[in-house]
Amino acid sequence: MNLRQENKELLDKIQAGLKLASRRLLEKKAANNETAVISINGEIKRIPAKDLLKIIP
């Protein structure tokens, strides 16, 4: 396995971990009826975490 392939695999693992962590954060916020702060086209928005969970796979 060459170095580029190893780097790609590491990047894939990091991205999967970030996606999982984000999902778990939203699930905790949704359980506590909290909002999430996100940026949409550079504009800061507060959206209920339950609503975000419905649209994020």
C-alpha atoms as a PDB file:
ATOM      1  CA  MET A   1       0.000   0.000   0.000  1.00  0.00           C
ATOM      2  CA  ASN A   2       1.465   3.342  -0.947  1.00  0.00           C
ATOM      3  CA  LEU A   3       1.475   6.505   1.128  1.00  0.00           C
ATOM      4  CA  ARG A   4      -1.289   8.185  -0.880  1.00  0.00           C
ATOM      5  CA  GLN A   5      -3.624   5.238  -0.343  1.00  0.00           C
ATOM      6  CA  GLU A   6      -2.889   5.285   3.402  1.00  0.00           C
ATOM      7  CA  ASN A   7      -3.594   9.022   3.531  1.00  0.00           C
ATOM      8  CA  LYS A   8      -6.908   8.532   1.710  1.00  0.00           C
ATOM      9  CA  GLU A   9      -7.945   5.803   4.129  1.00  0.00           C
ATOM     10  CA  LEU A  10      -7.015   7.985   7.105  1.00  0.00           C
ATOM     11  CA  LEU A  11      -8.970  10.907   5.665  1.00  0.00           C
ATOM     12  CA  ASP A  12     -12.006   8.656   5.137  1.00  0.00           C
ATOM     13  CA  LYS A  13     -11.835   7.498   8.768  1.00  0.00           C
ATOM     14  CA  ILE A  14     -11.534  11.064  10.059  1.00  0.00           C
ATOM     15  CA  GLN A  15     -14.507  12.216   7.975  1.00  0.00           C
ATOM     16  CA  ALA A  16     -16.616   9.277   9.167  1.00  0.00           C
ATOM     17  CA  GLY A  17     -15.714  10.090  12.779  1.00  0.00           C
ATOM     18  CA  LEU A  18     -16.668  13.747  12.362  1.00  0.00           C
ATOM     19  CA  LYS A  19     -19.994  12.778  10.800  1.00  0.00           C
ATOM     20  CA  LEU A  20     -20.725  10.386  13.673  1.00  0.00           C
ATOM     21  CA  ALA A  21     -19.779  12.990  16.304  1.00  0.00           C
ATOM     22  CA  SER A  22     -22.009  15.609  14.650  1.00  0.00           C
ATOM     23  CA  ARG A  23     -24.916  13.173  14.539  1.00  0.00           C
ATOM     24  CA  ARG A  24     -24.516  12.294  18.218  1.00  0.00           C
ATOM     25  CA  LEU A  25     -24.331  15.973  19.175  1.00  0.00           C
ATOM     26  CA  LEU A  26     -27.587  16.676  17.331  1.00  0.00           C
ATOM     27  CA  GLU A  27     -29.244  13.656  18.953  1.00  0.00           C
ATOM     28  CA  LYS A  28     -28.306  14.922  22.431  1.00  0.00           C
ATOM     29  CA  LYS A  29     -29.519  18.422  21.630  1.00  0.00           C
ATOM     30  CA  ALA A  30     -32.779  17.044  20.231  1.00  0.00           C
ATOM     31  CA  ALA A  31     -33.341  14.983  23.383  1.00  0.00           C
ATOM     32  CA  ASN A  32     -33.039  18.189  25.440  1.00  0.00           C
ATOM     33  CA  ASN A  33     -35.204  20.268  23.043  1.00  0.00           C
ATOM     34  CA  GLU A  34     -32.266  22.541  22.231  1.00  0.00           C
ATOM     35  CA  THR A  35     -31.363  24.419  19.066  1.00  0.00           C
ATOM     36  CA  ALA A  36     -28.306  24.077  16.888  1.00  0.00           C
ATOM     37  CA  VAL A  37     -26.436  27.074  15.516  1.00  0.00           C
ATOM     38  CA  ILE A  38     -25.476  26.688  11.863  1.00  0.00           C
ATOM     39  CA  SER A  39     -24.362  28.864   8.987  1.00  0.00           C
ATOM     40  CA  ILE A  40     -26.450  28.971   5.805  1.00  0.00           C
ATOM     41  CA  ASN A  41     -24.827  30.975   3.011  1.00  0.00           C
ATOM     42  CA  GLY A  42     -22.819  32.882   5.614  1.00  0.00           C
ATOM     43  CA  GLU A  43     -25.886  33.747   7.681  1.00  0.00           C
ATOM     44  CA  ILE A  44     -26.041  32.415  11.247  1.00  0.00           C
ATOM     45  CA  LYS A  45     -29.254  30.505  12.013  1.00  0.00           C
ATOM     46  CA  ARG A  46     -30.662  28.806  15.107  1.00  0.00           C
ATOM     47  CA  ILE A  47     -32.641  25.714  14.173  1.00  0.00           C
ATOM     48  CA  PRO A  48     -34.230  23.150  16.486  1.00  0.00           C
ATOM     49  CA  ALA A  49     -32.017  20.067  16.547  1.00  0.00           C
ATOM     50  CA  LYS A  50     -35.055  17.826  15.978  1.00  0.00           C
ATOM     51  CA  ASP A  51     -35.670  19.558  12.645  1.00  0.00           C
ATOM     52  CA  LEU A  52     -32.058  19.099  11.572  1.00  0.00           C
ATOM     53  CA  LEU A  53     -32.150  15.398  12.380  1.00  0.00           C
ATOM     54  CA  LYS A  54     -35.075  15.015   9.973  1.00  0.00           C
ATOM     55  CA  ILE A  55     -33.084  16.363   7.021  1.00  0.00           C
ATOM     56  CA  ILE A  56     -29.559  15.092   7.767  1.00  0.00           C
ATOM     57  CA  PRO A  57     -28.954  11.430   6.879  1.00  0.00           C
END
